[in-house]
Amino acid sequence: MNIKRLHHTPGFIHACRILLALVFIGSALGKILDIPEFIKAVSAYRLLPAFLVPLFGHFLPWLEFLLGLCLLIDHWPRGAVLLTGLLLLLFIAVILITMARGLKIDCGCFTFLKEDTLQKALVRDIILLIPVLALFSRQRSETR
């Protein structure tokens, strides 16, 4: 099979959607079940003013859950893929900024994983951009 045509196969597209959905739902559920721990993780980045940390700590897990659910049931596919990609790019930028500042913190991405380093999170988020790009490419080709 031609690699350029792979992103057009229904099985591959379905696998990309399910993979992203499971990652985002799994990440969200761990955070939702332990919001105080996630808020501590958000605070450790030292990027937001203190008054915004709890708000962000409550909002982000539900956004991730909603995006994961939309991907899982293929509801609002263009918006879900776009927002998922933008969120991953934001995560990558935050991780790079945090690493450049020399902070050695747990990323807070999956609260059930112990010692989830920034380096692991960076690699994982970059890899997760691959299915996002495949889905986005497929959607663009369908609108032509």
N, C-alpha and C. Protein backbone atom coordinates (compact mmCIF):
# COMPACT_ATOMS: atom_id res chain seq x y z
N MET A 1 0.84 -1.18 0.00
CA MET A 1 0.00 0.00 0.00
C MET A 1 0.89 1.25 0.00
N ASN A 2 0.53 2.18 -0.79
CA ASN A 2 1.25 3.45 -0.88
C ASN A 2 1.03 4.24 0.41
N ILE A 3 2.11 4.69 1.04
CA ILE A 3 2.04 5.41 2.31
C ILE A 3 1.23 6.70 2.18
N LYS A 4 1.27 7.33 1.00
CA LYS A 4 0.51 8.55 0.78
C LYS A 4 -0.99 8.30 0.78
N ARG A 5 -1.38 7.09 0.45
CA ARG A 5 -2.80 6.75 0.41
C ARG A 5 -3.29 6.16 1.73
N LEU A 6 -2.38 5.86 2.63
CA LEU A 6 -2.75 5.23 3.90
C LEU A 6 -3.75 6.09 4.66
N HIS A 7 -3.54 7.40 4.67
CA HIS A 7 -4.45 8.27 5.44
C HIS A 7 -5.84 8.35 4.84
N HIS A 8 -6.04 7.74 3.68
CA HIS A 8 -7.36 7.71 3.06
C HIS A 8 -8.12 6.42 3.35
N THR A 9 -7.47 5.44 3.96
CA THR A 9 -8.16 4.19 4.24
C THR A 9 -9.04 4.34 5.48
N PRO A 10 -10.27 3.86 5.41
CA PRO A 10 -11.19 4.00 6.54
C PRO A 10 -10.66 3.37 7.83
N GLY A 11 -10.00 2.23 7.74
CA GLY A 11 -9.48 1.57 8.93
C GLY A 11 -8.43 2.41 9.63
N PHE A 12 -7.55 3.02 8.86
CA PHE A 12 -6.50 3.86 9.45
C PHE A 12 -7.10 5.09 10.10
N ILE A 13 -8.05 5.72 9.44
CA ILE A 13 -8.70 6.91 9.97
C ILE A 13 -9.44 6.56 11.26
N HIS A 14 -10.13 5.44 11.25
CA HIS A 14 -10.86 4.99 12.45
C HIS A 14 -9.88 4.74 13.60
N ALA A 15 -8.76 4.10 13.31
CA ALA A 15 -7.75 3.81 14.34
C ALA A 15 -7.17 5.11 14.91
N CYS A 16 -6.93 6.09 14.07
CA CYS A 16 -6.41 7.39 14.53
C CYS A 16 -7.40 8.06 15.48
N ARG A 17 -8.67 8.06 15.09
CA ARG A 17 -9.71 8.68 15.92
C ARG A 17 -9.80 7.98 17.27
N ILE A 18 -9.83 6.64 17.26
CA ILE A 18 -9.98 5.87 18.50
C ILE A 18 -8.75 6.06 19.39
N LEU A 19 -7.57 6.04 18.81
CA LEU A 19 -6.34 6.25 19.59
C LEU A 19 -6.39 7.59 20.31
N LEU A 20 -6.66 8.66 19.57
CA LEU A 20 -6.71 9.99 20.18
C LEU A 20 -7.82 10.07 21.23
N ALA A 21 -8.96 9.49 20.92
CA ALA A 21 -10.08 9.51 21.87
C ALA A 21 -9.70 8.83 23.17
N LEU A 22 -9.11 7.66 23.09
CA LEU A 22 -8.75 6.92 24.30
C LEU A 22 -7.67 7.64 25.11
N VAL A 23 -6.70 8.23 24.43
CA VAL A 23 -5.66 8.97 25.14
C VAL A 23 -6.25 10.18 25.87
N PHE A 24 -7.10 10.94 25.17
CA PHE A 24 -7.66 12.13 25.79
C PHE A 24 -8.66 11.79 26.89
N ILE A 25 -9.48 10.78 26.68
CA ILE A 25 -10.43 10.38 27.73
C ILE A 25 -9.68 9.81 28.94
N GLY A 26 -8.68 8.98 28.68
CA GLY A 26 -7.90 8.42 29.79
C GLY A 26 -7.18 9.49 30.58
N SER A 27 -6.60 10.43 29.90
CA SER A 27 -5.91 11.53 30.57
C SER A 27 -6.90 12.36 31.38
N ALA A 28 -8.04 12.65 30.79
CA ALA A 28 -9.05 13.48 31.45
C ALA A 28 -9.61 12.80 32.70
N LEU A 29 -9.92 11.51 32.60
CA LEU A 29 -10.51 10.82 33.75
C LEU A 29 -9.58 10.79 34.95
N GLY A 30 -8.29 10.57 34.70
CA GLY A 30 -7.34 10.60 35.81
C GLY A 30 -7.32 11.96 36.50
N LYS A 31 -7.41 13.02 35.72
CA LYS A 31 -7.41 14.37 36.28
C LYS A 31 -8.73 14.68 36.99
N ILE A 32 -9.84 14.29 36.38
CA ILE A 32 -11.15 14.54 36.96
C ILE A 32 -11.30 13.83 38.30
N LEU A 33 -10.77 12.63 38.39
CA LEU A 33 -10.86 11.87 39.63
C LEU A 33 -9.95 12.39 40.73
N ASP A 34 -8.97 13.21 40.38
CA ASP A 34 -8.08 13.79 41.38
C ASP A 34 -7.74 15.23 41.01
N ILE A 35 -8.76 16.07 40.99
CA ILE A 35 -8.59 17.48 40.62
C ILE A 35 -7.55 18.18 41.50
N PRO A 36 -7.55 17.99 42.82
CA PRO A 36 -6.54 18.69 43.63
C PRO A 36 -5.10 18.35 43.21
N GLU A 37 -4.85 17.10 42.87
CA GLU A 37 -3.51 16.71 42.42
C GLU A 37 -3.17 17.36 41.08
N PHE A 38 -4.15 17.43 40.20
CA PHE A 38 -3.91 18.07 38.90
C PHE A 38 -3.66 19.57 39.07
N ILE A 39 -4.39 20.19 39.97
CA ILE A 39 -4.18 21.62 40.22
C ILE A 39 -2.75 21.86 40.72
N LYS A 40 -2.24 20.93 41.56
CA LYS A 40 -0.85 21.04 42.02
C LYS A 40 0.11 20.95 40.83
N ALA A 41 -0.20 20.04 39.91
CA ALA A 41 0.65 19.88 38.72
C ALA A 41 0.64 21.14 37.87
N VAL A 42 -0.53 21.73 37.68
CA VAL A 42 -0.65 22.97 36.90
C VAL A 42 0.15 24.08 37.58
N SER A 43 0.05 24.16 38.89
CA SER A 43 0.76 25.18 39.65
C SER A 43 2.28 25.03 39.52
N ALA A 44 2.75 23.79 39.43
CA ALA A 44 4.19 23.53 39.35
C ALA A 44 4.83 24.13 38.10
N TYR A 45 4.05 24.32 37.05
CA TYR A 45 4.59 24.92 35.82
C TYR A 45 4.94 26.39 36.01
N ARG A 46 4.30 27.03 36.96
CA ARG A 46 4.52 28.46 37.26
C ARG A 46 4.36 29.35 36.02
N LEU A 47 3.33 29.07 35.24
CA LEU A 47 3.06 29.88 34.04
C LEU A 47 1.82 30.75 34.18
N LEU A 48 0.88 30.31 35.02
CA LEU A 48 -0.37 31.04 35.18
C LEU A 48 -0.37 31.82 36.50
N PRO A 49 -1.07 32.94 36.54
CA PRO A 49 -1.25 33.61 37.82
C PRO A 49 -1.99 32.67 38.79
N ALA A 50 -1.70 32.77 40.06
CA ALA A 50 -2.25 31.85 41.06
C ALA A 50 -3.78 31.76 41.01
N PHE A 51 -4.45 32.87 40.75
CA PHE A 51 -5.91 32.84 40.75
C PHE A 51 -6.49 32.07 39.56
N LEU A 52 -5.71 31.88 38.49
CA LEU A 52 -6.20 31.14 37.33
C LEU A 52 -5.92 29.63 37.41
N VAL A 53 -5.00 29.24 38.26
CA VAL A 53 -4.61 27.83 38.34
C VAL A 53 -5.80 26.92 38.65
N PRO A 54 -6.60 27.20 39.70
CA PRO A 54 -7.75 26.31 39.96
C PRO A 54 -8.77 26.28 38.82
N LEU A 55 -9.01 27.43 38.21
CA LEU A 55 -9.95 27.50 37.09
C LEU A 55 -9.47 26.62 35.94
N PHE A 56 -8.21 26.76 35.58
CA PHE A 56 -7.61 25.95 34.52
C PHE A 56 -7.61 24.47 34.91
N GLY A 57 -7.29 24.19 36.18
CA GLY A 57 -7.25 22.82 36.67
C GLY A 57 -8.59 22.12 36.63
N HIS A 58 -9.67 22.88 36.73
CA HIS A 58 -11.00 22.30 36.62
C HIS A 58 -11.48 22.24 35.16
N PHE A 59 -11.08 23.21 34.35
CA PHE A 59 -11.56 23.32 32.97
C PHE A 59 -10.89 22.33 32.02
N LEU A 60 -9.56 22.23 32.07
CA LEU A 60 -8.83 21.43 31.09
C LEU A 60 -9.26 19.96 31.06
N PRO A 61 -9.41 19.28 32.21
CA PRO A 61 -9.81 17.87 32.13
C PRO A 61 -11.15 17.66 31.43
N TRP A 62 -12.09 18.57 31.67
CA TRP A 62 -13.40 18.43 31.02
C TRP A 62 -13.32 18.73 29.53
N LEU A 63 -12.46 19.66 29.14
CA LEU A 63 -12.24 19.92 27.71
C LEU A 63 -11.64 18.69 27.05
N GLU A 64 -10.62 18.10 27.68
CA GLU A 64 -10.01 16.88 27.15
C GLU A 64 -11.04 15.76 27.04
N PHE A 65 -11.87 15.61 28.05
CA PHE A 65 -12.89 14.56 28.04
C PHE A 65 -13.88 14.79 26.90
N LEU A 66 -14.33 16.02 26.75
CA LEU A 66 -15.29 16.35 25.68
C LEU A 66 -14.68 16.11 24.30
N LEU A 67 -13.43 16.53 24.10
CA LEU A 67 -12.76 16.28 22.81
C LEU A 67 -12.61 14.79 22.56
N GLY A 68 -12.21 14.04 23.58
CA GLY A 68 -12.07 12.60 23.44
C GLY A 68 -13.40 11.94 23.09
N LEU A 69 -14.46 12.37 23.74
CA LEU A 69 -15.79 11.83 23.47
C LEU A 69 -16.23 12.15 22.05
N CYS A 70 -16.00 13.39 21.62
CA CYS A 70 -16.35 13.78 20.24
C CYS A 70 -15.59 12.93 19.22
N LEU A 71 -14.31 12.68 19.50
CA LEU A 71 -13.53 11.83 18.59
C LEU A 71 -14.04 10.39 18.61
N LEU A 72 -14.37 9.90 19.80
CA LEU A 72 -14.82 8.52 19.94
C LEU A 72 -16.11 8.26 19.17
N ILE A 73 -17.06 9.18 19.28
CA ILE A 73 -18.35 8.96 18.61
C ILE A 73 -18.43 9.66 17.25
N ASP A 74 -17.31 10.23 16.83
CA ASP A 74 -17.21 10.92 15.54
C ASP A 74 -18.26 12.03 15.41
N HIS A 75 -18.39 12.79 16.49
CA HIS A 75 -19.30 13.93 16.50
C HIS A 75 -18.48 15.21 16.38
N TRP A 76 -18.91 16.11 15.53
CA TRP A 76 -18.21 17.36 15.31
C TRP A 76 -16.74 17.09 14.97
N PRO A 77 -16.49 16.22 13.94
CA PRO A 77 -15.13 15.74 13.68
C PRO A 77 -14.12 16.83 13.33
N ARG A 78 -14.50 17.80 12.52
CA ARG A 78 -13.52 18.83 12.14
C ARG A 78 -13.10 19.67 13.34
N GLY A 79 -14.06 20.10 14.11
CA GLY A 79 -13.76 20.91 15.28
C GLY A 79 -12.97 20.14 16.32
N ALA A 80 -13.34 18.88 16.54
CA ALA A 80 -12.64 18.06 17.54
C ALA A 80 -11.19 17.82 17.13
N VAL A 81 -10.96 17.54 15.87
CA VAL A 81 -9.59 17.31 15.40
C VAL A 81 -8.78 18.60 15.49
N LEU A 82 -9.37 19.70 15.07
CA LEU A 82 -8.67 20.98 15.12
C LEU A 82 -8.32 21.36 16.56
N LEU A 83 -9.28 21.27 17.46
CA LEU A 83 -9.02 21.62 18.86
C LEU A 83 -8.03 20.66 19.51
N THR A 84 -8.11 19.39 19.16
CA THR A 84 -7.16 18.41 19.70
C THR A 84 -5.74 18.76 19.24
N GLY A 85 -5.58 19.08 17.98
CA GLY A 85 -4.27 19.47 17.47
C GLY A 85 -3.75 20.74 18.13
N LEU A 86 -4.62 21.73 18.27
CA LEU A 86 -4.21 22.99 18.91
C LEU A 86 -3.83 22.76 20.37
N LEU A 87 -4.58 21.89 21.05
CA LEU A 87 -4.27 21.58 22.44
C LEU A 87 -2.92 20.87 22.55
N LEU A 88 -2.66 19.94 21.64
CA LEU A 88 -1.36 19.26 21.65
C LEU A 88 -0.22 20.25 21.38
N LEU A 89 -0.42 21.18 20.47
CA LEU A 89 0.60 22.20 20.20
C LEU A 89 0.82 23.09 21.43
N LEU A 90 -0.26 23.42 22.12
CA LEU A 90 -0.14 24.19 23.36
C LEU A 90 0.66 23.40 24.40
N PHE A 91 0.33 22.11 24.55
CA PHE A 91 1.06 21.27 25.51
C PHE A 91 2.54 21.22 25.17
N ILE A 92 2.85 21.07 23.90
CA ILE A 92 4.26 21.00 23.47
C ILE A 92 4.96 22.32 23.79
N ALA A 93 4.31 23.44 23.50
CA ALA A 93 4.91 24.75 23.79
C ALA A 93 5.15 24.92 25.29
N VAL A 94 4.17 24.55 26.10
CA VAL A 94 4.31 24.67 27.56
C VAL A 94 5.44 23.79 28.07
N ILE A 95 5.53 22.58 27.55
CA ILE A 95 6.60 21.67 27.97
C ILE A 95 7.96 22.24 27.58
N LEU A 96 8.09 22.74 26.36
CA LEU A 96 9.37 23.31 25.92
C LEU A 96 9.76 24.53 26.76
N ILE A 97 8.80 25.38 27.07
CA ILE A 97 9.07 26.55 27.91
C ILE A 97 9.53 26.10 29.29
N THR A 98 8.84 25.12 29.84
CA THR A 98 9.16 24.63 31.18
C THR A 98 10.54 23.98 31.20
N MET A 99 10.86 23.22 30.18
CA MET A 99 12.18 22.59 30.10
C MET A 99 13.26 23.67 29.94
N ALA A 100 13.00 24.68 29.14
CA ALA A 100 13.98 25.76 28.94
C ALA A 100 14.22 26.52 30.24
N ARG A 101 13.22 26.58 31.08
CA ARG A 101 13.37 27.25 32.37
C ARG A 101 14.07 26.36 33.40
N GLY A 102 14.34 25.11 33.04
CA GLY A 102 15.07 24.21 33.92
C GLY A 102 14.26 23.57 35.02
N LEU A 103 12.94 23.62 34.92
CA LEU A 103 12.10 23.00 35.95
C LEU A 103 12.05 21.50 35.75
N LYS A 104 12.21 20.76 36.81
CA LYS A 104 12.12 19.29 36.78
C LYS A 104 10.85 18.89 37.51
N ILE A 105 9.75 18.80 36.76
CA ILE A 105 8.45 18.51 37.36
C ILE A 105 7.80 17.34 36.65
N ASP A 106 6.82 16.75 37.31
CA ASP A 106 5.96 15.75 36.69
C ASP A 106 5.03 16.52 35.77
N CYS A 107 4.81 16.01 34.59
CA CYS A 107 4.02 16.79 33.62
C CYS A 107 2.56 16.94 34.02
N GLY A 108 2.01 16.00 34.79
CA GLY A 108 0.61 16.08 35.18
C GLY A 108 -0.34 15.60 34.10
N CYS A 109 0.20 15.05 33.03
CA CYS A 109 -0.62 14.63 31.89
C CYS A 109 -1.53 13.45 32.24
N PHE A 110 -0.96 12.46 32.86
CA PHE A 110 -1.70 11.28 33.29
C PHE A 110 -1.43 11.12 34.78
N THR A 111 -2.37 11.51 35.60
CA THR A 111 -2.13 11.51 37.05
C THR A 111 -1.87 10.12 37.60
N PHE A 112 -2.31 9.08 36.89
CA PHE A 112 -2.10 7.72 37.38
C PHE A 112 -0.71 7.18 37.02
N LEU A 113 0.02 7.85 36.16
CA LEU A 113 1.39 7.45 35.85
C LEU A 113 2.34 8.12 36.83
N LYS A 114 3.17 7.34 37.42
CA LYS A 114 4.17 7.92 38.31
C LYS A 114 5.39 8.29 37.49
N GLU A 115 5.98 9.41 37.85
CA GLU A 115 7.18 9.91 37.18
C GLU A 115 6.97 10.08 35.67
N ASP A 116 5.93 10.78 35.33
CA ASP A 116 5.67 11.12 33.92
C ASP A 116 6.46 12.40 33.63
N THR A 117 7.66 12.23 33.13
CA THR A 117 8.57 13.36 32.94
C THR A 117 8.14 14.24 31.78
N LEU A 118 8.69 15.43 31.77
CA LEU A 118 8.42 16.36 30.67
C LEU A 118 8.95 15.80 29.35
N GLN A 119 10.09 15.13 29.40
CA GLN A 119 10.67 14.56 28.18
C GLN A 119 9.74 13.49 27.59
N LYS A 120 9.21 12.62 28.44
CA LYS A 120 8.27 11.59 27.96
C LYS A 120 7.01 12.24 27.39
N ALA A 121 6.51 13.25 28.08
CA ALA A 121 5.31 13.94 27.63
C ALA A 121 5.54 14.63 26.29
N LEU A 122 6.71 15.22 26.13
CA LEU A 122 7.03 15.90 24.87
C LEU A 122 7.03 14.91 23.71
N VAL A 123 7.70 13.78 23.88
CA VAL A 123 7.75 12.76 22.83
C VAL A 123 6.34 12.24 22.54
N ARG A 124 5.58 11.96 23.59
CA ARG A 124 4.22 11.45 23.42
C ARG A 124 3.34 12.45 22.66
N ASP A 125 3.43 13.73 23.03
CA ASP A 125 2.59 14.73 22.37
C ASP A 125 2.99 14.93 20.90
N ILE A 126 4.28 14.87 20.62
CA ILE A 126 4.72 14.98 19.22
C ILE A 126 4.22 13.78 18.42
N ILE A 127 4.30 12.59 19.00
CA ILE A 127 3.79 11.39 18.31
C ILE A 127 2.29 11.48 18.10
N LEU A 128 1.56 12.03 19.07
CA LEU A 128 0.11 12.16 18.93
C LEU A 128 -0.30 13.16 17.85
N LEU A 129 0.63 13.99 17.43
CA LEU A 129 0.33 14.91 16.32
C LEU A 129 0.18 14.14 15.01
N ILE A 130 0.80 12.96 14.91
CA ILE A 130 0.73 12.18 13.66
C ILE A 130 -0.72 11.80 13.33
N PRO A 131 -1.47 11.17 14.27
CA PRO A 131 -2.86 10.88 13.91
C PRO A 131 -3.71 12.14 13.72
N VAL A 132 -3.39 13.21 14.44
CA VAL A 132 -4.12 14.46 14.24
C VAL A 132 -3.91 14.95 12.81
N LEU A 133 -2.66 14.93 12.36
CA LEU A 133 -2.37 15.38 10.99
C LEU A 133 -3.02 14.48 9.95
N ALA A 134 -3.05 13.17 10.22
CA ALA A 134 -3.70 12.24 9.29
C ALA A 134 -5.19 12.55 9.19
N LEU A 135 -5.84 12.77 10.33
CA LEU A 135 -7.27 13.09 10.34
C LEU A 135 -7.53 14.43 9.66
N PHE A 136 -6.69 15.40 9.96
CA PHE A 136 -6.85 16.72 9.36
C PHE A 136 -6.66 16.65 7.85
N SER A 137 -5.65 15.91 7.42
CA SER A 137 -5.39 15.75 5.99
C SER A 137 -6.57 15.07 5.29
N ARG A 138 -7.12 14.07 5.92
CA ARG A 138 -8.27 13.36 5.35
C ARG A 138 -9.47 14.30 5.22
N GLN A 139 -9.70 15.09 6.25
CA GLN A 139 -10.82 16.02 6.21
C GLN A 139 -10.65 17.07 5.13
N ARG A 140 -9.43 17.55 4.96
CA ARG A 140 -9.17 18.55 3.91
C ARG A 140 -9.41 17.95 2.53
N SER A 141 -8.97 16.70 2.33
CA SER A 141 -9.13 16.09 1.02
C SER A 141 -10.59 15.80 0.72
N GLU A 142 -11.41 15.59 1.75
CA GLU A 142 -12.84 15.33 1.56
C GLU A 142 -13.60 16.60 1.16
N THR A 143 -13.07 17.77 1.53
CA THR A 143 -13.76 19.01 1.21
C THR A 143 -13.42 19.53 -0.17
N ARG A 144 -12.46 18.91 -0.82
CA ARG A 144 -12.07 19.35 -2.17
C ARG A 144 -12.95 18.78 -3.21
